[in-house]
C-alpha atoms as a PDB file:
ATOM      1  CA  MET A   1      20.991  21.411  12.458  1.00  0.00           C
ATOM      2  CA  ILE A   2      21.248  17.766  13.500  1.00  0.00           C
ATOM      3  CA  GLU A   3      23.151  16.720  16.614  1.00  0.00           C
ATOM      4  CA  ILE A   4      24.240  13.084  17.010  1.00  0.00           C
ATOM      5  CA  GLN A   5      25.585  11.314  20.089  1.00  0.00           C
ATOM      6  CA  THR A   6      26.759   7.718  20.134  1.00  0.00           C
ATOM      7  CA  LEU A   7      25.738   6.175  23.449  1.00  0.00           C
ATOM      8  CA  ALA A   8      26.885   2.675  22.438  1.00  0.00           C
ATOM      9  CA  THR A   9      27.995   0.925  19.264  1.00  0.00           C
ATOM     10  CA  GLY A  10      29.171  -2.573  18.399  1.00  0.00           C
ATOM     11  CA  SER A  11      28.272  -6.136  19.295  1.00  0.00           C
ATOM     12  CA  THR A  12      27.848  -5.340  23.013  1.00  0.00           C
ATOM     13  CA  GLY A  13      25.127  -2.781  22.363  1.00  0.00           C
ATOM     14  CA  ASN A  14      23.959  -0.018  20.041  1.00  0.00           C
ATOM     15  CA  CYS A  15      22.180   3.201  20.931  1.00  0.00           C
ATOM     16  CA  TYR A  16      22.267   6.652  19.348  1.00  0.00           C
ATOM     17  CA  TYR A  17      20.743   9.964  20.389  1.00  0.00           C
ATOM     18  CA  VAL A  18      19.645  12.241  17.557  1.00  0.00           C
ATOM     19  CA  THR A  19      18.012  15.658  17.760  1.00  0.00           C
ATOM     20  CA  ASP A  20      17.271  18.520  15.389  1.00  0.00           C
ATOM     21  CA  GLY A  21      17.060  20.869  18.365  1.00  0.00           C
ATOM     22  CA  VAL A  22      13.322  20.340  18.690  1.00  0.00           C
ATOM     23  CA  THR A  23      12.533  16.618  18.710  1.00  0.00           C
ATOM     24  CA  PRO A  24      15.078  14.292  20.353  1.00  0.00           C
ATOM     25  CA  ILE A  25      14.862  10.586  19.554  1.00  0.00           C
ATOM     26  CA  LEU A  26      16.811   7.404  20.154  1.00  0.00           C
ATOM     27  CA  ILE A  27      17.835   5.050  17.378  1.00  0.00           C
ATOM     28  CA  GLU A  28      18.259   1.559  18.850  1.00  0.00           C
ATOM     29  CA  CYS A  29      18.120   0.639  22.537  1.00  0.00           C
ATOM     30  CA  GLY A  30      20.694  -2.113  22.857  1.00  0.00           C
ATOM     31  CA  ILE A  31      21.773  -0.989  26.332  1.00  0.00           C
ATOM     32  CA  SER A  32      19.738  -0.607  29.512  1.00  0.00           C
ATOM     33  CA  PHE A  33      17.680   2.525  30.004  1.00  0.00           C
ATOM     34  CA  LYS A  34      19.666   3.239  33.172  1.00  0.00           C
ATOM     35  CA  LYS A  35      22.828   3.411  31.050  1.00  0.00           C
ATOM     36  CA  ILE A  36      21.032   5.629  28.531  1.00  0.00           C
ATOM     37  CA  GLN A  37      20.020   7.975  31.352  1.00  0.00           C
ATOM     38  CA  ARG A  38      23.555   8.168  32.716  1.00  0.00           C
ATOM     39  CA  LYS A  39      25.077   8.854  29.301  1.00  0.00           C
ATOM     40  CA  LEU A  40      22.559  11.669  28.733  1.00  0.00           C
ATOM     41  CA  ASN A  41      23.026  13.136  32.233  1.00  0.00           C
ATOM     42  CA  PHE A  42      19.472  12.031  33.059  1.00  0.00           C
ATOM     43  CA  GLU A  43      18.042  14.506  30.539  1.00  0.00           C
ATOM     44  CA  THR A  44      15.681  11.988  28.959  1.00  0.00           C
ATOM     45  CA  LEU A  45      12.196  13.329  29.687  1.00  0.00           C
ATOM     46  CA  ASP A  46      11.884  14.993  26.281  1.00  0.00           C
ATOM     47  CA  ILE A  47      12.878  11.948  24.191  1.00  0.00           C
ATOM     48  CA  ALA A  48       9.970  11.570  21.781  1.00  0.00           C
ATOM     49  CA  ALA A  49      10.565   8.054  20.461  1.00  0.00           C
ATOM     50  CA  CYS A  50      12.965   5.203  19.827  1.00  0.00           C
ATOM     51  CA  LEU A  51      13.475   3.605  16.419  1.00  0.00           C
ATOM     52  CA  VAL A  52      14.433  -0.084  16.476  1.00  0.00           C
ATOM     53  CA  THR A  53      15.927  -1.667  13.354  1.00  0.00           C
ATOM     54  CA  HIS A  54      15.641  -5.355  14.311  1.00  0.00           C
ATOM     55  CA  GLU A  55      15.342  -7.856  17.144  1.00  0.00           C
ATOM     56  CA  HIS A  56      18.960  -8.756  17.927  1.00  0.00           C
ATOM     57  CA  LYS A  57      19.717  -7.992  21.570  1.00  0.00           C
ATOM     58  CA  ASP A  58      22.547  -5.588  20.825  1.00  0.00           C
ATOM     59  CA  HIS A  59      19.879  -3.374  19.245  1.00  0.00           C
ATOM     60  CA  CYS A  60      16.897  -3.836  21.568  1.00  0.00           C
ATOM     61  CA  ALA A  61      18.025  -5.284  24.926  1.00  0.00           C
ATOM     62  CA  GLY A  62      16.895  -2.153  26.779  1.00  0.00           C
ATOM     63  CA  ILE A  63      13.450  -1.904  25.232  1.00  0.00           C
ATOM     64  CA  SER A  64      11.489  -2.766  28.389  1.00  0.00           C
ATOM     65  CA  GLY A  65      13.121   0.092  30.277  1.00  0.00           C
ATOM     66  CA  VAL A  66      12.597   2.488  27.376  1.00  0.00           C
ATOM     67  CA  LEU A  67       8.913   1.579  27.156  1.00  0.00           C
ATOM     68  CA  GLY A  68       8.598   1.847  30.930  1.00  0.00           C
ATOM     69  CA  ALA A  69       9.960   5.383  30.746  1.00  0.00           C
ATOM     70  CA  GLY A  70       7.034   6.350  28.526  1.00  0.00           C
ATOM     71  CA  ILE A  71       8.954   6.367  25.239  1.00  0.00           C
ATOM     72  CA  ARG A  72       7.214   4.953  22.180  1.00  0.00           C
ATOM     73  CA  CYS A  73       9.218   2.432  20.158  1.00  0.00           C
ATOM     74  CA  TYR A  74       8.772   2.168  16.387  1.00  0.00           C
ATOM     75  CA  MET A  75       9.665  -0.963  14.429  1.00  0.00           C
ATOM     76  CA  SER A  76       8.445  -3.337  11.744  1.00  0.00           C
ATOM     77  CA  ARG A  77       5.713  -5.852  12.502  1.00  0.00           C
ATOM     78  CA  GLY A  78       8.218  -8.662  11.994  1.00  0.00           C
ATOM     79  CA  THR A  79      10.575  -7.136  14.543  1.00  0.00           C
ATOM     80  CA  LYS A  80       7.765  -6.715  17.085  1.00  0.00           C
ATOM     81  CA  ILE A  81       6.773 -10.374  16.739  1.00  0.00           C
ATOM     82  CA  ALA A  82      10.397 -11.505  17.018  1.00  0.00           C
ATOM     83  CA  ILE A  83      11.003  -9.407  20.145  1.00  0.00           C
ATOM     84  CA  GLY A  84       7.901 -10.951  21.684  1.00  0.00           C
ATOM     85  CA  ILE A  85       6.743  -8.007  23.785  1.00  0.00           C
ATOM     86  CA  ASN A  86       3.195  -6.679  23.658  1.00  0.00           C
ATOM     87  CA  HIS A  87       3.024  -3.097  24.860  1.00  0.00           C
ATOM     88  CA  HIS A  88       0.796  -0.179  23.948  1.00  0.00           C
ATOM     89  CA  ARG A  89       3.829   2.019  23.291  1.00  0.00           C
ATOM     90  CA  ILE A  90       5.202  -0.312  20.599  1.00  0.00           C
ATOM     91  CA  LYS A  91       4.150   1.112  17.247  1.00  0.00           C
ATOM     92  CA  THR A  92       4.559  -0.905  14.056  1.00  0.00           C
ATOM     93  CA  VAL A  93       5.432   0.868  10.810  1.00  0.00           C
ATOM     94  CA  GLU A  94       5.477  -0.351   7.238  1.00  0.00           C
ATOM     95  CA  ASN A  95       8.226  -0.543   4.670  1.00  0.00           C
ATOM     96  CA  LYS A  96       8.484   2.628   2.549  1.00  0.00           C
ATOM     97  CA  LYS A  97       5.503   4.298   4.294  1.00  0.00           C
ATOM     98  CA  GLN A  98       6.367   7.582   5.968  1.00  0.00           C
ATOM     99  CA  PHE A  99       5.361   8.458   9.522  1.00  0.00           C
ATOM    100  CA  ILE A 100       5.850  11.574  11.628  1.00  0.00           C
ATOM    101  CA  ILE A 101       7.403  12.059  15.062  1.00  0.00           C
ATOM    102  CA  GLY A 102       7.411  15.703  16.112  1.00  0.00           C
ATOM    103  CA  THR A 103       9.499  17.623  13.585  1.00  0.00           C
ATOM    104  CA  TRP A 104      10.783  14.447  11.888  1.00  0.00           C
ATOM    105  CA  THR A 105       9.297  12.744   8.843  1.00  0.00           C
ATOM    106  CA  ILE A 106      10.667   9.202   8.827  1.00  0.00           C
ATOM    107  CA  LEU A 107      10.803   6.694   5.987  1.00  0.00           C
ATOM    108  CA  PRO A 108      11.546   3.053   6.907  1.00  0.00           C
ATOM    109  CA  PHE A 109      13.164   0.927   4.214  1.00  0.00           C
ATOM    110  CA  ASP A 110      14.073  -2.740   4.029  1.00  0.00           C
ATOM    111  CA  VAL A 111      17.667  -3.893   4.481  1.00  0.00           C
ATOM    112  CA  GLN A 112      19.422  -7.253   4.209  1.00  0.00           C
ATOM    113  CA  HIS A 113      20.075  -9.079   7.504  1.00  0.00           C
ATOM    114  CA  ASP A 114      19.383 -12.545   8.929  1.00  0.00           C
ATOM    115  CA  VAL A 115      16.373 -11.484  11.001  1.00  0.00           C
ATOM    116  CA  ALA A 116      12.596 -11.206  10.636  1.00  0.00           C
ATOM    117  CA  GLU A 117      11.977  -7.790   9.020  1.00  0.00           C
ATOM    118  CA  PRO A 118      14.902  -5.359   9.443  1.00  0.00           C
ATOM    119  CA  PHE A 119      14.662  -1.681   8.580  1.00  0.00           C
ATOM    120  CA  GLY A 120      16.895   1.278   7.907  1.00  0.00           C
ATOM    121  CA  PHE A 121      15.495   4.770   8.399  1.00  0.00           C
ATOM    122  CA  LEU A 122      15.628   8.051   6.489  1.00  0.00           C
ATOM    123  CA  LEU A 123      14.859  10.990   8.771  1.00  0.00           C
ATOM    124  CA  VAL A 124      14.010  14.433   7.402  1.00  0.00           C
ATOM    125  CA  ASN A 125      13.370  17.464   9.595  1.00  0.00           C
ATOM    126  CA  GLN A 126      11.379  20.594   8.804  1.00  0.00           C
ATOM    127  CA  LYS A 127      14.527  22.496   7.781  1.00  0.00           C
ATOM    128  CA  GLY A 128      15.298  19.915   5.121  1.00  0.00           C
ATOM    129  CA  ASP A 129      18.178  18.147   6.868  1.00  0.00           C
ATOM    130  CA  LYS A 130      18.299  14.444   5.943  1.00  0.00           C
ATOM    131  CA  LEU A 131      19.795  11.726   8.107  1.00  0.00           C
ATOM    132  CA  LEU A 132      20.193   8.211   6.733  1.00  0.00           C
ATOM    133  CA  PHE A 133      20.625   5.406   9.268  1.00  0.00           C
ATOM    134  CA  ALA A 134      21.457   1.861   8.167  1.00  0.00           C
ATOM    135  CA  THR A 135      23.094  -0.917  10.141  1.00  0.00           C
ATOM    136  CA  ASP A 136      23.352  -4.720  10.102  1.00  0.00           C
ATOM    137  CA  THR A 137      22.938  -5.133   6.377  1.00  0.00           C
ATOM    138  CA  TYR A 138      25.317  -6.335   3.694  1.00  0.00           C
ATOM    139  CA  TYR A 139      23.723  -4.223   0.958  1.00  0.00           C
ATOM    140  CA  ILE A 140      21.407  -1.249   0.447  1.00  0.00           C
ATOM    141  CA  LYS A 141      19.465  -1.480  -2.783  1.00  0.00           C
ATOM    142  CA  TYR A 142      18.048   2.051  -2.644  1.00  0.00           C
ATOM    143  CA  ARG A 143      19.629   5.326  -3.728  1.00  0.00           C
ATOM    144  CA  PHE A 144      19.193   8.590  -1.842  1.00  0.00           C
ATOM    145  CA  SER A 145      19.624  12.259  -2.716  1.00  0.00           C
ATOM    146  CA  GLY A 146      20.290  15.275  -0.546  1.00  0.00           C
ATOM    147  CA  ILE A 147      21.587  13.364   2.489  1.00  0.00           C
ATOM    148  CA  THR A 148      23.183  15.743   5.000  1.00  0.00           C
ATOM    149  CA  HIS A 149      24.097  13.204   7.702  1.00  0.00           C
ATOM    150  CA  LEU A 150      24.965   9.553   7.189  1.00  0.00           C
ATOM    151  CA  MET A 151      25.069   6.925   9.940  1.00  0.00           C
ATOM    152  CA  ILE A 152      26.077   3.634   8.391  1.00  0.00           C
ATOM    153  CA  GLU A 153      27.541   0.344   9.500  1.00  0.00           C
ATOM    154  CA  CYS A 154      31.109  -0.430   8.429  1.00  0.00           C
ATOM    155  CA  ASN A 155      31.536  -3.745  10.197  1.00  0.00           C
ATOM    156  CA  TYR A 156      34.547  -5.374   8.552  1.00  0.00           C
ATOM    157  CA  CYS A 157      37.266  -5.161   5.932  1.00  0.00           C
ATOM    158  CA  GLN A 158      37.246  -8.045   3.464  1.00  0.00           C
ATOM    159  CA  SER A 159      41.045  -8.387   3.605  1.00  0.00           C
ATOM    160  CA  VAL A 160      41.057  -8.625   7.420  1.00  0.00           C
ATOM    161  CA  LEU A 161      38.194 -11.126   7.439  1.00  0.00           C
ATOM    162  CA  ASP A 162      39.961 -13.294   4.855  1.00  0.00           C
ATOM    163  CA  LEU A 163      43.222 -13.246   6.828  1.00  0.00           C
ATOM    164  CA  ASN A 164      41.370 -14.213   9.995  1.00  0.00           C
ATOM    165  CA  GLU A 165      39.874 -17.225   8.254  1.00  0.00           C
ATOM    166  CA  GLN A 166      43.220 -18.261   6.786  1.00  0.00           C
ATOM    167  CA  ALA A 167      44.840 -18.015  10.234  1.00  0.00           C
ATOM    168  CA  GLY A 168      42.071 -20.062  11.846  1.00  0.00           C
ATOM    169  CA  ARG A 169      40.825 -17.170  13.960  1.00  0.00           C
ATOM    170  CA  ILE A 170      37.366 -17.380  12.440  1.00  0.00           C
ATOM    171  CA  HIS A 171      35.458 -20.440  11.212  1.00  0.00           C
ATOM    172  CA  PRO A 172      34.478 -20.445   7.510  1.00  0.00           C
ATOM    173  CA  SER A 173      30.795 -20.644   8.458  1.00  0.00           C
ATOM    174  CA  MET A 174      31.113 -17.545  10.645  1.00  0.00           C
ATOM    175  CA  ARG A 175      32.963 -15.734   7.848  1.00  0.00           C
ATOM    176  CA  LYS A 176      30.066 -16.570   5.540  1.00  0.00           C
ATOM    177  CA  ARG A 177      27.519 -15.311   8.074  1.00  0.00           C
ATOM    178  CA  VAL A 178      29.389 -12.030   8.521  1.00  0.00           C
ATOM    179  CA  MET A 179      29.452 -11.490   4.760  1.00  0.00           C
ATOM    180  CA  GLN A 180      25.737 -12.248   4.444  1.00  0.00           C
ATOM    181  CA  SER A 181      24.559  -9.987   7.253  1.00  0.00           C
ATOM    182  CA  HIS A 182      26.950  -7.050   7.732  1.00  0.00           C
ATOM    183  CA  PHE A 183      28.275  -4.124   5.709  1.00  0.00           C
ATOM    184  CA  SER A 184      31.902  -4.378   4.611  1.00  0.00           C
ATOM    185  CA  MET A 185      34.126  -1.372   3.987  1.00  0.00           C
ATOM    186  CA  GLU A 186      34.154  -2.305   0.316  1.00  0.00           C
ATOM    187  CA  ASN A 187      30.351  -2.270   0.088  1.00  0.00           C
ATOM    188  CA  VAL A 188      30.184   1.001   2.010  1.00  0.00           C
ATOM    189  CA  LEU A 189      32.521   2.557  -0.558  1.00  0.00           C
ATOM    190  CA  GLU A 190      30.304   1.283  -3.390  1.00  0.00           C
ATOM    191  CA  PHE A 191      27.230   2.678  -1.643  1.00  0.00           C
ATOM    192  CA  LEU A 192      28.913   6.074  -1.275  1.00  0.00           C
ATOM    193  CA  LYS A 193      29.817   6.127  -4.972  1.00  0.00           C
ATOM    194  CA  ALA A 194      26.243   5.329  -5.969  1.00  0.00           C
ATOM    195  CA  ASN A 195      24.577   8.099  -3.939  1.00  0.00           C
ATOM    196  CA  ASP A 196      24.311  11.885  -4.093  1.00  0.00           C
ATOM    197  CA  LEU A 197      26.755  13.267  -1.514  1.00  0.00           C
ATOM    198  CA  SER A 198      26.624  16.890  -2.643  1.00  0.00           C
ATOM    199  CA  LYS A 199      24.957  18.064   0.591  1.00  0.00           C
ATOM    200  CA  LEU A 200      26.600  15.567   2.922  1.00  0.00           C
ATOM    201  CA  GLN A 201      28.133  17.191   6.007  1.00  0.00           C
ATOM    202  CA  GLU A 202      29.344  14.218   8.029  1.00  0.00           C
ATOM    203  CA  ILE A 203      29.610  10.438   8.033  1.00  0.00           C
ATOM    204  CA  TRP A 204      29.301   8.259  11.126  1.00  0.00           C
ATOM    205  CA  LEU A 205      30.790   4.802  10.595  1.00  0.00           C
ATOM    206  CA  LEU A 206      29.176   2.420  13.065  1.00  0.00           C
ATOM    207  CA  HIS A 207      29.406  -1.082  14.465  1.00  0.00           C
ATOM    208  CA  LEU A 208      33.057  -1.798  13.585  1.00  0.00           C
ATOM    209  CA  SER A 209      34.069  -5.348  14.435  1.00  0.00           C
ATOM    210  CA  ASP A 210      36.758  -5.639  17.106  1.00  0.00           C
ATOM    211  CA  THR A 211      38.504  -8.418  15.185  1.00  0.00           C
ATOM    212  CA  ASN A 212      37.541  -8.101  11.506  1.00  0.00           C
ATOM    213  CA  SER A 213      38.046  -4.392  10.846  1.00  0.00           C
ATOM    214  CA  ASP A 214      40.942  -1.943  10.495  1.00  0.00           C
ATOM    215  CA  GLU A 215      39.848   1.484  11.739  1.00  0.00           C
ATOM    216  CA  PHE A 216      42.804   3.306  10.197  1.00  0.00           C
ATOM    217  CA  LEU A 217      42.213   1.754   6.773  1.00  0.00           C
ATOM    218  CA  ILE A 218      38.468   2.415   6.949  1.00  0.00           C
ATOM    219  CA  ARG A 219      38.926   6.065   7.864  1.00  0.00           C
ATOM    220  CA  GLN A 220      41.570   6.507   5.156  1.00  0.00           C
ATOM    221  CA  GLU A 221      39.528   4.903   2.370  1.00  0.00           C
ATOM    222  CA  VAL A 222      36.233   6.638   3.195  1.00  0.00           C
ATOM    223  CA  ALA A 223      37.990  10.003   3.525  1.00  0.00           C
ATOM    224  CA  ARG A 224      39.683   9.442   0.155  1.00  0.00           C
ATOM    225  CA  ALA A 225      36.366   8.565  -1.468  1.00  0.00           C
ATOM    226  CA  THR A 226      34.307  11.418  -0.004  1.00  0.00           C
ATOM    227  CA  GLY A 227      36.437  14.198   1.480  1.00  0.00           C
ATOM    228  CA  LYS A 228      33.809  14.502   4.217  1.00  0.00           C
ATOM    229  CA  LEU A 229      34.024  14.762   8.008  1.00  0.00           C
ATOM    230  CA  ILE A 230      34.195  11.238   9.443  1.00  0.00           C
ATOM    231  CA  HIS A 231      33.321  10.014  12.932  1.00  0.00           C
ATOM    232  CA  ILE A 232      34.161   6.516  14.127  1.00  0.00           C
ATOM    233  CA  PRO A 233      32.732   6.195  17.650  1.00  0.00           C
END
């Protein structure tokens, strides 16, 4: 069984705690390690690793504290170079090459974002549970089967973004950047249609924009498309 806790999500910071009951890990460290400790009631000694998707601060701002706590951080070589920290606990991993952390077998895969070398991650435990994590991407070109837990960005609704541009609340160049680097509700729905959801237990919709999304509409449309349990932290 997989347990997921959202410690932070959104443009001010992202951090998620995931465990299969044996090997706890962090995905992202976009908040300080002190905040991570407080949110986990200071039960952090058994955290085996932290996965970092890319170098933007809302995903890695707390990395120095995480490394200092003795937690290894896994990321692409491009992300390591972009972060600019040399530390023996930073471990680089390669696209579509599996690695193992405790009871997890983890497959990094490339996603589409305006950074050096961003990754999503597919995590499989020894009981066969599969967790797919993907954020800060406008598209996922791969298809997955047997996913039991899905953590995916749903940053904006196209209709809300368009209205914000028309009303002058967002500059056309920023609208373009959002569309080229983040997952819209519409693209999430297409991704869900294209993948095997037969074993899916729950969906976590992450990184909703404060201004360009409609949480009620997102929940309604994803529920209609999947009939699955939905969390929007």
